[in-house]
Amino acid sequence: MEFLEKISNQIKLMRKTKGLSQEKLALEIDIDRKYASIIEKGKTNLSIQYLKKICDGLDIKLSDFFKHIEE
């Protein structure tokens, strides 16, 4: 599995674990819901700035997010 796919899968898993819809998370972090969908499908190279926003919305530290990717 490529790295971008791992990131997008982890975002989706964490969002669902928190009980959030794509729309609710997108609203919380001020991004378009369509962009949230593109991110979770691994169709875009995600900037660190947006990944940080997503982590903030999921209430997880950026460093902890990457720990889950490496496991």
C-alpha atoms as a PDB file:
ATOM      1  CA  MET A   1       0.000   0.000   0.000  1.00  0.00           C
ATOM      2  CA  GLU A   2       1.407   3.369  -0.942  1.00  0.00           C
ATOM      3  CA  PHE A   3       1.905   6.095   1.649  1.00  0.00           C
ATOM      4  CA  LEU A   4      -0.869   8.398   0.358  1.00  0.00           C
ATOM      5  CA  GLU A   5      -3.334   5.505   0.486  1.00  0.00           C
ATOM      6  CA  LYS A   6      -2.302   4.751   4.074  1.00  0.00           C
ATOM      7  CA  ILE A   7      -2.901   8.387   5.039  1.00  0.00           C
ATOM      8  CA  SER A   8      -6.309   8.579   3.369  1.00  0.00           C
ATOM      9  CA  ASN A   9      -7.405   5.261   4.891  1.00  0.00           C
ATOM     10  CA  GLN A  10      -6.291   6.399   8.345  1.00  0.00           C
ATOM     11  CA  ILE A  11      -8.199   9.671   8.042  1.00  0.00           C
ATOM     12  CA  LYS A  12     -11.359   7.792   7.072  1.00  0.00           C
ATOM     13  CA  LEU A  13     -10.936   5.248   9.870  1.00  0.00           C
ATOM     14  CA  MET A  14     -10.349   7.916  12.518  1.00  0.00           C
ATOM     15  CA  ARG A  15     -13.272  10.006  11.279  1.00  0.00           C
ATOM     16  CA  LYS A  16     -15.616   7.022  11.454  1.00  0.00           C
ATOM     17  CA  THR A  17     -14.262   6.044  14.879  1.00  0.00           C
ATOM     18  CA  LYS A  18     -15.154   9.534  16.107  1.00  0.00           C
ATOM     19  CA  GLY A  19     -18.660   9.097  14.657  1.00  0.00           C
ATOM     20  CA  LEU A  20     -18.279  12.001  12.235  1.00  0.00           C
ATOM     21  CA  SER A  21     -19.609  12.229   8.708  1.00  0.00           C
ATOM     22  CA  GLN A  22     -17.395  13.718   6.014  1.00  0.00           C
ATOM     23  CA  GLU A  23     -19.711  16.699   5.939  1.00  0.00           C
ATOM     24  CA  LYS A  24     -19.548  17.305   9.699  1.00  0.00           C
ATOM     25  CA  LEU A  25     -15.751  17.061   9.795  1.00  0.00           C
ATOM     26  CA  ALA A  26     -15.452  19.309   6.737  1.00  0.00           C
ATOM     27  CA  LEU A  27     -17.671  21.918   8.377  1.00  0.00           C
ATOM     28  CA  GLU A  28     -15.678  21.756  11.619  1.00  0.00           C
ATOM     29  CA  ILE A  29     -12.355  22.337   9.884  1.00  0.00           C
ATOM     30  CA  ASP A  30     -13.666  24.712   7.207  1.00  0.00           C
ATOM     31  CA  ILE A  31     -12.998  22.697   4.064  1.00  0.00           C
ATOM     32  CA  ASP A  32     -15.376  21.742   1.282  1.00  0.00           C
ATOM     33  CA  ARG A  33     -17.070  18.356   1.761  1.00  0.00           C
ATOM     34  CA  LYS A  34     -16.123  17.391  -1.796  1.00  0.00           C
ATOM     35  CA  TYR A  35     -12.468  18.037  -0.937  1.00  0.00           C
ATOM     36  CA  ALA A  36     -12.846  15.854   2.165  1.00  0.00           C
ATOM     37  CA  SER A  37     -14.100  13.057  -0.081  1.00  0.00           C
ATOM     38  CA  ILE A  38     -11.190  13.501  -2.486  1.00  0.00           C
ATOM     39  CA  ILE A  39      -8.761  13.355   0.447  1.00  0.00           C
ATOM     40  CA  GLU A  40     -10.266  10.123   1.791  1.00  0.00           C
ATOM     41  CA  LYS A  41     -10.127   8.538  -1.658  1.00  0.00           C
ATOM     42  CA  GLY A  42      -6.411   9.350  -1.882  1.00  0.00           C
ATOM     43  CA  LYS A  43      -6.968  11.397  -5.036  1.00  0.00           C
ATOM     44  CA  THR A  44      -4.914  14.415  -3.928  1.00  0.00           C
ATOM     45  CA  ASN A  45      -1.562  15.111  -2.402  1.00  0.00           C
ATOM     46  CA  LEU A  46      -2.523  16.432   0.980  1.00  0.00           C
ATOM     47  CA  SER A  47      -0.528  19.345   2.361  1.00  0.00           C
ATOM     48  CA  ILE A  48       0.707  19.230   5.938  1.00  0.00           C
ATOM     49  CA  GLN A  49      -1.452  22.301   6.604  1.00  0.00           C
ATOM     50  CA  TYR A  50      -4.629  20.406   5.689  1.00  0.00           C
ATOM     51  CA  LEU A  51      -3.522  17.263   7.485  1.00  0.00           C
ATOM     52  CA  LYS A  52      -2.996  19.372  10.616  1.00  0.00           C
ATOM     53  CA  LYS A  53      -6.506  20.813  10.250  1.00  0.00           C
ATOM     54  CA  ILE A  54      -7.928  17.312   9.903  1.00  0.00           C
ATOM     55  CA  CYS A  55      -6.016  16.078  12.938  1.00  0.00           C
ATOM     56  CA  ASP A  56      -7.283  19.063  14.934  1.00  0.00           C
ATOM     57  CA  GLY A  57     -10.839  18.241  13.855  1.00  0.00           C
ATOM     58  CA  LEU A  58     -10.327  14.628  14.913  1.00  0.00           C
ATOM     59  CA  ASP A  59      -8.749  15.746  18.186  1.00  0.00           C
ATOM     60  CA  ILE A  60      -5.482  13.917  17.563  1.00  0.00           C
ATOM     61  CA  LYS A  61      -1.922  15.202  17.528  1.00  0.00           C
ATOM     62  CA  LEU A  62      -0.220  15.190  14.146  1.00  0.00           C
ATOM     63  CA  SER A  63       2.635  13.123  15.590  1.00  0.00           C
ATOM     64  CA  ASP A  64       0.161  10.533  16.907  1.00  0.00           C
ATOM     65  CA  PHE A  65      -1.513  10.364  13.500  1.00  0.00           C
ATOM     66  CA  PHE A  66       1.771   9.270  11.913  1.00  0.00           C
ATOM     67  CA  LYS A  67       2.348   6.675  14.639  1.00  0.00           C
ATOM     68  CA  HIS A  68      -0.835   4.960  13.431  1.00  0.00           C
ATOM     69  CA  ILE A  69       0.407   5.075   9.829  1.00  0.00           C
ATOM     70  CA  GLU A  70       3.624   3.253  10.693  1.00  0.00           C
ATOM     71  CA  GLU A  71       1.952   0.442  12.651  1.00  0.00           C
END
